[in-house]
Amino acid sequence: MWQNEMELYRLSVQTSILNTQFTLRLLTRNAASLIFLNSHTRSSENGGKCFTAGLDTR
């Protein structure tokens, strides 16, 4: 009985660690693509201007 509970606990810890790693990987990938997109639009001549004009709400 005690062995089963320990096994369940170990499995739940493993899955939570895997979930955390997965979420972190997604976040870093999204952050990297966002940074890449920002630098890309800023480096192109008209891209940056169009981007800021689209965000301007005035």
PDB file of N, CA and C in Angstrom:
ATOM      1  N   MET A   1       0.837  -1.202   0.000  1.00  0.00           N
ATOM      2  CA  MET A   1       0.000   0.000   0.000  1.00  0.00           C
ATOM      3  C   MET A   1       0.875   1.256   0.000  1.00  0.00           C
ATOM      4  N   TRP A   2       1.824   1.298   0.916  1.00  0.00           N
ATOM      5  CA  TRP A   2       2.696   2.471   1.012  1.00  0.00           C
ATOM      6  C   TRP A   2       3.532   2.627  -0.252  1.00  0.00           C
ATOM      7  N   GLN A   3       3.946   1.474  -0.823  1.00  0.00           N
ATOM      8  CA  GLN A   3       4.738   1.490  -2.056  1.00  0.00           C
ATOM      9  C   GLN A   3       3.948   2.137  -3.194  1.00  0.00           C
ATOM     10  N   ASN A   4       2.662   1.806  -3.291  1.00  0.00           N
ATOM     11  CA  ASN A   4       1.821   2.373  -4.344  1.00  0.00           C
ATOM     12  C   ASN A   4       1.711   3.884  -4.211  1.00  0.00           C
ATOM     13  N   GLU A   5       1.527   4.351  -2.986  1.00  0.00           N
ATOM     14  CA  GLU A   5       1.403   5.791  -2.772  1.00  0.00           C
ATOM     15  C   GLU A   5       2.692   6.511  -3.163  1.00  0.00           C
ATOM     16  N   MET A   6       3.817   5.909  -2.827  1.00  0.00           N
ATOM     17  CA  MET A   6       5.093   6.518  -3.186  1.00  0.00           C
ATOM     18  C   MET A   6       5.257   6.576  -4.704  1.00  0.00           C
ATOM     19  N   GLU A   7       4.832   5.501  -5.376  1.00  0.00           N
ATOM     20  CA  GLU A   7       4.932   5.451  -6.834  1.00  0.00           C
ATOM     21  C   GLU A   7       4.060   6.531  -7.472  1.00  0.00           C
ATOM     22  N   LEU A   8       2.853   6.688  -6.953  1.00  0.00           N
ATOM     23  CA  LEU A   8       1.949   7.715  -7.468  1.00  0.00           C
ATOM     24  C   LEU A   8       2.540   9.105  -7.264  1.00  0.00           C
ATOM     25  N   TYR A   9       3.109   9.313  -6.082  1.00  0.00           N
ATOM     26  CA  TYR A   9       3.711  10.619  -5.786  1.00  0.00           C
ATOM     27  C   TYR A   9       4.866  10.900  -6.741  1.00  0.00           C
ATOM     28  N   ARG A  10       5.694   9.874  -6.959  1.00  0.00           N
ATOM     29  CA  ARG A  10       6.844  10.037  -7.841  1.00  0.00           C
ATOM     30  C   ARG A  10       6.391  10.355  -9.266  1.00  0.00           C
ATOM     31  N   LEU A  11       5.347   9.688  -9.716  1.00  0.00           N
ATOM     32  CA  LEU A  11       4.827   9.932 -11.058  1.00  0.00           C
ATOM     33  C   LEU A  11       4.271  11.344 -11.191  1.00  0.00           C
ATOM     34  N   SER A  12       3.554  11.792 -10.166  1.00  0.00           N
ATOM     35  CA  SER A  12       2.973  13.139 -10.239  1.00  0.00           C
ATOM     36  C   SER A  12       4.071  14.196 -10.244  1.00  0.00           C
ATOM     37  N   VAL A  13       5.124  13.960  -9.475  1.00  0.00           N
ATOM     38  CA  VAL A  13       6.246  14.902  -9.470  1.00  0.00           C
ATOM     39  C   VAL A  13       6.907  14.928 -10.843  1.00  0.00           C
ATOM     40  N   GLN A  14       7.087  13.751 -11.440  1.00  0.00           N
ATOM     41  CA  GLN A  14       7.702  13.687 -12.767  1.00  0.00           C
ATOM     42  C   GLN A  14       6.874  14.439 -13.796  1.00  0.00           C
ATOM     43  N   THR A  15       5.554  14.245 -13.764  1.00  0.00           N
ATOM     44  CA  THR A  15       4.709  14.910 -14.759  1.00  0.00           C
ATOM     45  C   THR A  15       4.715  16.417 -14.554  1.00  0.00           C
ATOM     46  N   SER A  16       4.725  16.869 -13.295  1.00  0.00           N
ATOM     47  CA  SER A  16       4.741  18.317 -13.058  1.00  0.00           C
ATOM     48  C   SER A  16       6.055  18.920 -13.539  1.00  0.00           C
ATOM     49  N   ILE A  17       7.160  18.204 -13.352  1.00  0.00           N
ATOM     50  CA  ILE A  17       8.454  18.689 -13.838  1.00  0.00           C
ATOM     51  C   ILE A  17       8.439  18.764 -15.359  1.00  0.00           C
ATOM     52  N   LEU A  18       7.877  17.732 -16.002  1.00  0.00           N
ATOM     53  CA  LEU A  18       7.796  17.725 -17.460  1.00  0.00           C
ATOM     54  C   LEU A  18       6.938  18.876 -17.957  1.00  0.00           C
ATOM     55  N   ASN A  19       5.819  19.125 -17.285  1.00  0.00           N
ATOM     56  CA  ASN A  19       4.943  20.228 -17.678  1.00  0.00           C
ATOM     57  C   ASN A  19       5.664  21.563 -17.561  1.00  0.00           C
ATOM     58  N   THR A  20       6.420  21.722 -16.475  1.00  0.00           N
ATOM     59  CA  THR A  20       7.154  22.971 -16.275  1.00  0.00           C
ATOM     60  C   THR A  20       8.185  23.165 -17.379  1.00  0.00           C
ATOM     61  N   GLN A  21       8.918  22.095 -17.701  1.00  0.00           N
ATOM     62  CA  GLN A  21       9.927  22.186 -18.758  1.00  0.00           C
ATOM     63  C   GLN A  21       9.281  22.540 -20.085  1.00  0.00           C
ATOM     64  N   PHE A  22       8.118  21.921 -20.358  1.00  0.00           N
ATOM     65  CA  PHE A  22       7.417  22.176 -21.611  1.00  0.00           C
ATOM     66  C   PHE A  22       6.979  23.636 -21.696  1.00  0.00           C
ATOM     67  N   THR A  23       6.415  24.147 -20.593  1.00  0.00           N
ATOM     68  CA  THR A  23       5.955  25.537 -20.575  1.00  0.00           C
ATOM     69  C   THR A  23       7.124  26.492 -20.763  1.00  0.00           C
ATOM     70  N   LEU A  24       8.232  26.216 -20.076  1.00  0.00           N
ATOM     71  CA  LEU A  24       9.406  27.082 -20.203  1.00  0.00           C
ATOM     72  C   LEU A  24       9.931  27.084 -21.630  1.00  0.00           C
ATOM     73  N   ARG A  25       9.921  25.899 -22.259  1.00  0.00           N
ATOM     74  CA  ARG A  25      10.409  25.805 -23.628  1.00  0.00           C
ATOM     75  C   ARG A  25       9.529  26.630 -24.558  1.00  0.00           C
ATOM     76  N   LEU A  26       8.206  26.544 -24.350  1.00  0.00           N
ATOM     77  CA  LEU A  26       7.281  27.330 -25.169  1.00  0.00           C
ATOM     78  C   LEU A  26       7.519  28.820 -24.967  1.00  0.00           C
ATOM     79  N   LEU A  27       7.691  29.227 -23.703  1.00  0.00           N
ATOM     80  CA  LEU A  27       7.886  30.646 -23.402  1.00  0.00           C
ATOM     81  C   LEU A  27       9.161  31.171 -24.045  1.00  0.00           C
ATOM     82  N   THR A  28      10.239  30.404 -23.936  1.00  0.00           N
ATOM     83  CA  THR A  28      11.503  30.873 -24.498  1.00  0.00           C
ATOM     84  C   THR A  28      11.420  30.931 -26.014  1.00  0.00           C
ATOM     85  N   ARG A  29      10.718  29.958 -26.611  1.00  0.00           N
ATOM     86  CA  ARG A  29      10.584  29.969 -28.065  1.00  0.00           C
ATOM     87  C   ARG A  29       9.774  31.185 -28.511  1.00  0.00           C
ATOM     88  N   ASN A  30       8.694  31.478 -27.794  1.00  0.00           N
ATOM     89  CA  ASN A  30       7.873  32.642 -28.129  1.00  0.00           C
ATOM     90  C   ASN A  30       8.660  33.930 -27.952  1.00  0.00           C
ATOM     91  N   ALA A  31       9.406  34.025 -26.859  1.00  0.00           N
ATOM     92  CA  ALA A  31      10.197  35.231 -26.601  1.00  0.00           C
ATOM     93  C   ALA A  31      11.237  35.419 -27.699  1.00  0.00           C
ATOM     94  N   ALA A  32      11.877  34.333 -28.097  1.00  0.00           N
ATOM     95  CA  ALA A  32      12.901  34.426 -29.136  1.00  0.00           C
ATOM     96  C   ALA A  32      12.295  34.885 -30.451  1.00  0.00           C
ATOM     97  N   SER A  33      11.130  34.340 -30.806  1.00  0.00           N
ATOM     98  CA  SER A  33      10.509  34.740 -32.071  1.00  0.00           C
ATOM     99  C   SER A  33      10.034  36.186 -32.004  1.00  0.00           C
ATOM    100  N   LEU A  34       9.557  36.620 -30.829  1.00  0.00           N
ATOM    101  CA  LEU A  34       9.121  38.010 -30.687  1.00  0.00           C
ATOM    102  C   LEU A  34      10.296  38.961 -30.844  1.00  0.00           C
ATOM    103  N   ILE A  35      11.414  38.628 -30.212  1.00  0.00           N
ATOM    104  CA  ILE A  35      12.607  39.470 -30.315  1.00  0.00           C
ATOM    105  C   ILE A  35      13.080  39.517 -31.764  1.00  0.00           C
ATOM    106  N   PHE A  36      13.044  38.356 -32.417  1.00  0.00           N
ATOM    107  CA  PHE A  36      13.472  38.298 -33.819  1.00  0.00           C
ATOM    108  C   PHE A  36      12.565  39.160 -34.690  1.00  0.00           C
ATOM    109  N   LEU A  37      11.263  39.071 -34.478  1.00  0.00           N
ATOM    110  CA  LEU A  37      10.319  39.861 -35.272  1.00  0.00           C
ATOM    111  C   LEU A  37      10.521  41.350 -35.038  1.00  0.00           C
ATOM    112  N   ASN A  38      10.718  41.739 -33.778  1.00  0.00           N
ATOM    113  CA  ASN A  38      10.915  43.157 -33.464  1.00  0.00           C
ATOM    114  C   ASN A  38      12.163  43.705 -34.141  1.00  0.00           C
ATOM    115  N   SER A  39      13.255  42.978 -34.049  1.00  0.00           N
ATOM    116  CA  SER A  39      14.492  43.455 -34.662  1.00  0.00           C
ATOM    117  C   SER A  39      14.352  43.453 -36.182  1.00  0.00           C
ATOM    118  N   HIS A  40      13.605  42.502 -36.711  1.00  0.00           N
ATOM    119  CA  HIS A  40      13.424  42.415 -38.159  1.00  0.00           C
ATOM    120  C   HIS A  40      12.634  43.619 -38.671  1.00  0.00           C
ATOM    121  N   THR A  41      11.539  43.965 -37.996  1.00  0.00           N
ATOM    122  CA  THR A  41      10.721  45.099 -38.450  1.00  0.00           C
ATOM    123  C   THR A  41      11.472  46.409 -38.241  1.00  0.00           C
ATOM    124  N   ARG A  42      12.280  46.479 -37.187  1.00  0.00           N
ATOM    125  CA  ARG A  42      13.026  47.703 -36.923  1.00  0.00           C
ATOM    126  C   ARG A  42      14.127  47.892 -37.968  1.00  0.00           C
ATOM    127  N   SER A  43      14.726  46.795 -38.398  1.00  0.00           N
ATOM    128  CA  SER A  43      15.847  46.909 -39.334  1.00  0.00           C
ATOM    129  C   SER A  43      15.363  47.261 -40.736  1.00  0.00           C
ATOM    130  N   SER A  44      14.185  46.788 -41.128  1.00  0.00           N
ATOM    131  CA  SER A  44      13.686  47.150 -42.458  1.00  0.00           C
ATOM    132  C   SER A  44      13.241  48.607 -42.448  1.00  0.00           C
ATOM    133  N   GLU A  45      13.396  49.289 -43.564  1.00  0.00           N
ATOM    134  CA  GLU A  45      13.231  50.751 -43.584  1.00  0.00           C
ATOM    135  C   GLU A  45      11.809  51.183 -43.244  1.00  0.00           C
ATOM    136  N   ASN A  46      10.833  50.711 -44.019  1.00  0.00           N
ATOM    137  CA  ASN A  46       9.461  51.144 -43.795  1.00  0.00           C
ATOM    138  C   ASN A  46       8.749  50.299 -42.750  1.00  0.00           C
ATOM    139  N   GLY A  47       9.257  49.099 -42.505  1.00  0.00           N
ATOM    140  CA  GLY A  47       8.563  48.176 -41.614  1.00  0.00           C
ATOM    141  C   GLY A  47       8.330  48.758 -40.241  1.00  0.00           C
ATOM    142  N   GLY A  48       9.362  49.364 -39.663  1.00  0.00           N
ATOM    143  CA  GLY A  48       9.227  49.923 -38.325  1.00  0.00           C
ATOM    144  C   GLY A  48       8.192  51.019 -38.264  1.00  0.00           C
ATOM    145  N   LYS A  49       8.202  51.886 -39.289  1.00  0.00           N
ATOM    146  CA  LYS A  49       7.247  52.999 -39.312  1.00  0.00           C
ATOM    147  C   LYS A  49       5.815  52.487 -39.424  1.00  0.00           C
ATOM    148  N   CYS A  50       5.605  51.520 -40.313  1.00  0.00           N
ATOM    149  CA  CYS A  50       4.261  50.958 -40.483  1.00  0.00           C
ATOM    150  C   CYS A  50       3.816  50.298 -39.184  1.00  0.00           C
ATOM    151  N   PHE A  51       4.755  49.617 -38.532  1.00  0.00           N
ATOM    152  CA  PHE A  51       4.426  48.902 -37.303  1.00  0.00           C
ATOM    153  C   PHE A  51       3.976  49.873 -36.221  1.00  0.00           C
ATOM    154  N   THR A  52       4.705  50.976 -36.048  1.00  0.00           N
ATOM    155  CA  THR A  52       4.340  51.939 -35.005  1.00  0.00           C
ATOM    156  C   THR A  52       3.071  52.686 -35.390  1.00  0.00           C
ATOM    157  N   ALA A  53       2.888  52.950 -36.691  1.00  0.00           N
ATOM    158  CA  ALA A  53       1.687  53.662 -37.127  1.00  0.00           C
ATOM    159  C   ALA A  53       0.454  52.808 -36.863  1.00  0.00           C
ATOM    160  N   GLY A  54       0.596  51.490 -37.024  1.00  0.00           N
ATOM    161  CA  GLY A  54      -0.535  50.606 -36.777  1.00  0.00           C
ATOM    162  C   GLY A  54      -0.905  50.578 -35.315  1.00  0.00           C
ATOM    163  N   LEU A  55       0.085  50.731 -34.442  1.00  0.00           N
ATOM    164  CA  LEU A  55      -0.176  50.690 -33.006  1.00  0.00           C
ATOM    165  C   LEU A  55      -0.689  52.025 -32.483  1.00  0.00           C
ATOM    166  N   ASP A  56      -0.463  53.092 -33.230  1.00  0.00           N
ATOM    167  CA  ASP A  56      -0.865  54.425 -32.781  1.00  0.00           C
ATOM    168  C   ASP A  56      -2.387  54.533 -32.781  1.00  0.00           C
ATOM    169  N   THR A  57      -2.975  54.931 -31.640  1.00  0.00           N
ATOM    170  CA  THR A  57      -4.434  54.948 -31.524  1.00  0.00           C
ATOM    171  C   THR A  57      -5.008  56.354 -31.622  1.00  0.00           C
ATOM    172  N   ARG A  58      -4.153  57.363 -31.788  1.00  0.00           N
ATOM    173  CA  ARG A  58      -4.665  58.740 -31.855  1.00  0.00           C
ATOM    174  C   ARG A  58      -5.429  59.014 -33.142  1.00  0.00           C
TER     175      ARG A  58
END
